[in-house]
N, C-alpha and C. Protein backbone atom coordinates (compact mmCIF):
# COMPACT_ATOMS: atom_id res chain seq x y z
N MET A 1 31.47 112.98 303.24
CA MET A 1 32.29 113.18 302.00
C MET A 1 33.31 113.14 301.57
N LYS A 2 34.08 112.44 300.98
CA LYS A 2 34.97 112.67 300.49
C LYS A 2 35.58 112.99 298.97
N VAL A 3 36.49 114.00 299.25
CA VAL A 3 36.75 114.74 297.69
C VAL A 3 38.27 114.22 297.64
N THR A 4 39.17 114.07 296.64
CA THR A 4 40.50 113.73 296.29
C THR A 4 40.70 114.64 294.82
N VAL A 5 41.72 115.24 294.98
CA VAL A 5 42.26 115.88 293.98
C VAL A 5 43.99 115.28 293.58
N CYS A 6 43.88 115.23 291.40
CA CYS A 6 45.04 114.59 292.42
C CYS A 6 46.01 115.64 291.36
N ILE A 7 46.72 115.15 291.82
CA ILE A 7 48.20 116.09 292.18
C ILE A 7 49.35 115.64 290.70
N GLY A 8 49.00 114.84 290.52
CA GLY A 8 50.38 114.21 288.95
C GLY A 8 50.28 115.16 288.41
N SER A 9 51.71 115.06 287.56
CA SER A 9 52.25 116.23 286.88
C SER A 9 51.23 116.55 286.01
N SER A 10 50.38 116.18 285.44
CA SER A 10 49.56 116.56 284.19
C SER A 10 48.55 117.51 284.83
N CYS A 11 48.18 117.15 286.04
CA CYS A 11 46.94 117.72 286.85
C CYS A 11 47.39 118.81 287.33
N HIS A 12 49.03 119.04 287.67
CA HIS A 12 49.70 119.71 288.33
C HIS A 12 49.91 120.83 288.09
N ILE A 13 50.52 121.03 286.27
CA ILE A 13 50.55 122.02 285.31
C ILE A 13 48.82 122.42 284.82
N LYS A 14 48.04 122.13 284.74
CA LYS A 14 46.62 122.64 285.03
C LYS A 14 46.12 123.33 286.03
N GLY A 15 47.12 123.34 287.19
CA GLY A 15 46.62 123.73 288.67
C GLY A 15 45.81 123.20 289.65
N SER A 16 46.58 121.93 289.95
CA SER A 16 46.27 121.36 290.92
C SER A 16 46.41 121.53 292.60
N ARG A 17 47.60 122.49 292.71
CA ARG A 17 47.73 123.37 293.76
C ARG A 17 46.89 124.11 293.85
N GLN A 18 46.49 125.08 293.32
CA GLN A 18 44.90 126.68 292.96
C GLN A 18 44.44 125.48 293.46
N VAL A 19 43.47 124.30 292.81
CA VAL A 19 42.81 123.79 292.97
C VAL A 19 42.16 123.20 294.69
N VAL A 20 43.26 122.71 295.15
CA VAL A 20 43.43 122.08 296.42
C VAL A 20 43.29 123.56 297.72
N GLU A 21 44.46 124.86 297.09
CA GLU A 21 44.41 125.45 298.34
C GLU A 21 42.81 126.58 298.22
N GLN A 22 41.91 126.40 297.30
CA GLN A 22 40.98 127.33 296.73
C GLN A 22 39.72 126.31 297.77
N LEU A 23 39.84 125.31 297.40
CA LEU A 23 38.98 124.02 298.23
C LEU A 23 39.08 124.07 299.54
N GLN A 24 40.41 123.78 300.01
CA GLN A 24 40.93 123.97 301.55
C GLN A 24 39.87 125.44 302.35
N HIS A 25 40.07 126.98 301.34
CA HIS A 25 39.68 127.78 301.99
C HIS A 25 38.25 127.58 301.95
N LEU A 26 38.03 127.10 300.84
CA LEU A 26 36.28 127.17 301.18
C LEU A 26 35.49 126.26 301.85
N ILE A 27 36.25 124.96 302.26
CA ILE A 27 35.96 123.99 303.17
C ILE A 27 36.31 124.51 304.28
N ALA A 28 36.67 125.43 305.02
CA ALA A 28 36.86 125.63 306.21
C ALA A 28 35.85 127.19 306.57
N GLU A 29 36.01 128.34 305.36
CA GLU A 29 35.22 129.03 305.32
C GLU A 29 33.50 129.09 305.27
N ASN A 30 33.36 127.78 305.26
CA ASN A 30 31.84 127.15 304.67
C ASN A 30 31.76 126.31 306.36
N GLY A 31 32.41 126.04 306.77
CA GLY A 31 32.30 125.10 308.51
C GLY A 31 32.43 123.98 307.91
N LEU A 32 32.65 123.36 306.98
CA LEU A 32 32.52 122.12 306.70
C LEU A 32 33.80 121.22 306.52
N LYS A 33 34.85 121.52 307.63
CA LYS A 33 35.82 120.52 307.66
C LYS A 33 35.56 119.39 308.38
N GLU A 34 34.21 119.32 309.50
CA GLU A 34 34.12 118.42 309.63
C GLU A 34 33.39 117.05 309.08
N LYS A 35 32.60 117.76 308.16
CA LYS A 35 32.13 116.87 307.13
C LYS A 35 32.63 116.25 305.60
N VAL A 36 33.85 117.34 304.93
CA VAL A 36 34.75 116.50 304.11
C VAL A 36 36.33 115.92 304.36
N ASP A 37 36.42 115.26 303.65
CA ASP A 37 37.29 114.77 303.82
C ASP A 37 38.29 114.90 302.11
N LEU A 38 39.25 116.14 302.42
CA LEU A 38 39.96 116.72 301.36
C LEU A 38 41.50 115.70 301.14
N SER A 39 41.34 115.76 300.00
CA SER A 39 42.93 114.43 300.13
C SER A 39 43.37 114.34 298.52
N GLY A 40 44.81 114.31 298.70
CA GLY A 40 45.37 114.48 297.23
C GLY A 40 45.69 113.04 296.81
N THR A 41 45.58 112.59 295.34
CA THR A 41 46.52 111.79 294.89
C THR A 41 47.03 111.51 293.78
N PHE A 42 47.89 110.43 292.97
CA PHE A 42 48.78 110.80 291.79
C PHE A 42 47.24 110.32 290.73
N CYS A 43 47.65 110.06 289.70
CA CYS A 43 47.50 110.09 288.74
C CYS A 43 46.51 108.89 288.65
N MET A 44 44.93 109.94 288.08
CA MET A 44 43.45 109.14 288.03
C MET A 44 43.46 108.67 286.41
N GLY A 45 44.41 108.65 285.67
CA GLY A 45 44.41 107.98 284.36
C GLY A 45 42.87 109.12 283.48
N LYS A 46 42.94 109.92 283.88
CA LYS A 46 42.04 111.04 283.07
C LYS A 46 43.35 111.95 282.64
N CYS A 47 44.16 112.41 282.37
CA CYS A 47 45.52 112.88 282.14
C CYS A 47 44.50 114.74 281.05
N GLN A 48 44.09 114.11 280.49
CA GLN A 48 43.23 115.19 279.54
C GLN A 48 42.44 116.10 280.30
N GLN A 49 41.72 115.22 280.84
CA GLN A 49 40.67 115.62 280.90
C GLN A 49 40.38 116.96 282.70
N GLY A 50 42.04 116.97 283.17
CA GLY A 50 42.63 117.26 284.50
C GLY A 50 42.58 119.00 284.38
N VAL A 51 42.51 119.32 285.66
CA VAL A 51 41.95 118.50 286.70
C VAL A 51 41.04 117.75 287.57
N CYS A 52 41.94 116.34 287.41
CA CYS A 52 40.43 115.75 287.90
C CYS A 52 40.39 115.41 289.65
N VAL A 53 38.84 115.78 289.82
CA VAL A 53 38.76 115.53 291.13
C VAL A 53 37.56 114.25 291.61
N THR A 54 37.76 113.49 292.55
CA THR A 54 36.08 112.72 292.65
C THR A 54 35.80 113.67 294.13
N VAL A 55 34.36 113.17 293.79
CA VAL A 55 33.28 113.49 295.34
C VAL A 55 32.92 112.35 295.30
N ASP A 56 32.93 111.45 296.31
CA ASP A 56 32.49 110.24 296.44
C ASP A 56 32.71 109.21 295.74
N GLU A 57 33.45 108.75 294.60
CA GLU A 57 34.17 108.21 293.67
C GLU A 57 33.61 109.17 291.98
N ALA A 58 32.83 110.08 292.22
CA ALA A 58 31.84 110.47 291.30
C ALA A 58 33.19 111.54 290.65
N PHE A 59 33.63 111.56 289.47
CA PHE A 59 34.28 111.91 288.68
C PHE A 59 34.29 113.27 288.03
N HIS A 60 34.80 114.70 288.32
CA HIS A 60 34.87 115.57 288.04
C HIS A 60 36.06 116.12 287.39
N SER A 61 35.73 117.31 286.26
CA SER A 61 37.15 118.07 285.90
C SER A 61 36.89 119.63 285.99
N VAL A 62 38.19 119.93 287.31
CA VAL A 62 37.68 121.31 288.03
C VAL A 62 39.00 121.98 287.45
N SER A 63 39.30 123.12 287.37
CA SER A 63 40.08 124.30 286.51
C SER A 63 39.91 125.65 288.03
N PRO A 64 41.20 126.31 288.14
CA PRO A 64 40.96 127.06 289.06
C PRO A 64 40.08 128.31 289.05
N GLU A 65 39.84 128.34 287.74
CA GLU A 65 38.89 129.36 287.12
C GLU A 65 37.37 128.91 287.79
N THR A 66 36.84 127.39 287.35
CA THR A 66 35.79 126.78 288.06
C THR A 66 35.98 125.96 289.44
N VAL A 67 36.48 126.34 290.05
CA VAL A 67 36.30 125.52 291.38
C VAL A 67 35.56 125.86 292.36
N GLU A 68 34.95 127.57 292.08
CA GLU A 68 33.84 128.17 293.18
C GLU A 68 32.40 126.86 292.67
N ASP A 69 32.27 127.31 291.29
CA ASP A 69 31.06 126.98 291.03
C ASP A 69 30.92 125.43 291.24
N PHE A 70 31.99 124.88 291.25
CA PHE A 70 32.20 123.04 291.38
C PHE A 70 32.00 123.21 293.31
N PHE A 71 32.67 123.79 294.19
CA PHE A 71 32.44 123.82 295.19
C PHE A 71 31.11 123.86 295.66
N ASN A 72 30.17 125.05 294.93
CA ASN A 72 29.03 125.36 295.73
C ASN A 72 27.87 124.22 295.56
N THR A 73 28.11 123.65 293.65
CA THR A 73 27.35 122.38 293.13
C THR A 73 27.87 120.92 293.71
N GLN A 74 29.14 120.67 293.49
CA GLN A 74 29.22 119.27 294.32
C GLN A 74 29.09 119.17 295.69
N ILE A 75 29.91 120.15 296.31
CA ILE A 75 30.18 119.82 297.79
C ILE A 75 29.24 120.48 298.83
N LYS A 76 29.00 121.95 298.68
CA LYS A 76 28.28 122.51 299.67
C LYS A 76 26.67 121.89 299.52
N ALA A 77 26.39 122.37 298.47
CA ALA A 77 25.14 121.60 298.30
C ALA A 77 24.64 119.91 298.74
N LYS A 78 25.52 119.37 299.25
CA LYS A 78 25.44 117.82 299.20
C LYS A 78 25.99 117.54 300.47
N ALA A 79 26.64 118.59 301.35
CA ALA A 79 27.19 118.41 302.58
C ALA A 79 26.20 118.44 303.47
């Protein structure tokens, strides 16, 4: 599973660093390091909807407040 988080300036302002850090922690805590490839990228072109995250090409809008629910439904449930 490939998870990509936008770290461009707009998403950075909206909390992409916190999203990445929380995802790193949740992936490790749930023993999914071998199943989940977490990476960063610059602008995905949907700045108004940031923090932009894709899971195997499917787009999601995530915030530091919603990252745990996102992880549980879009990553953990499918890994």
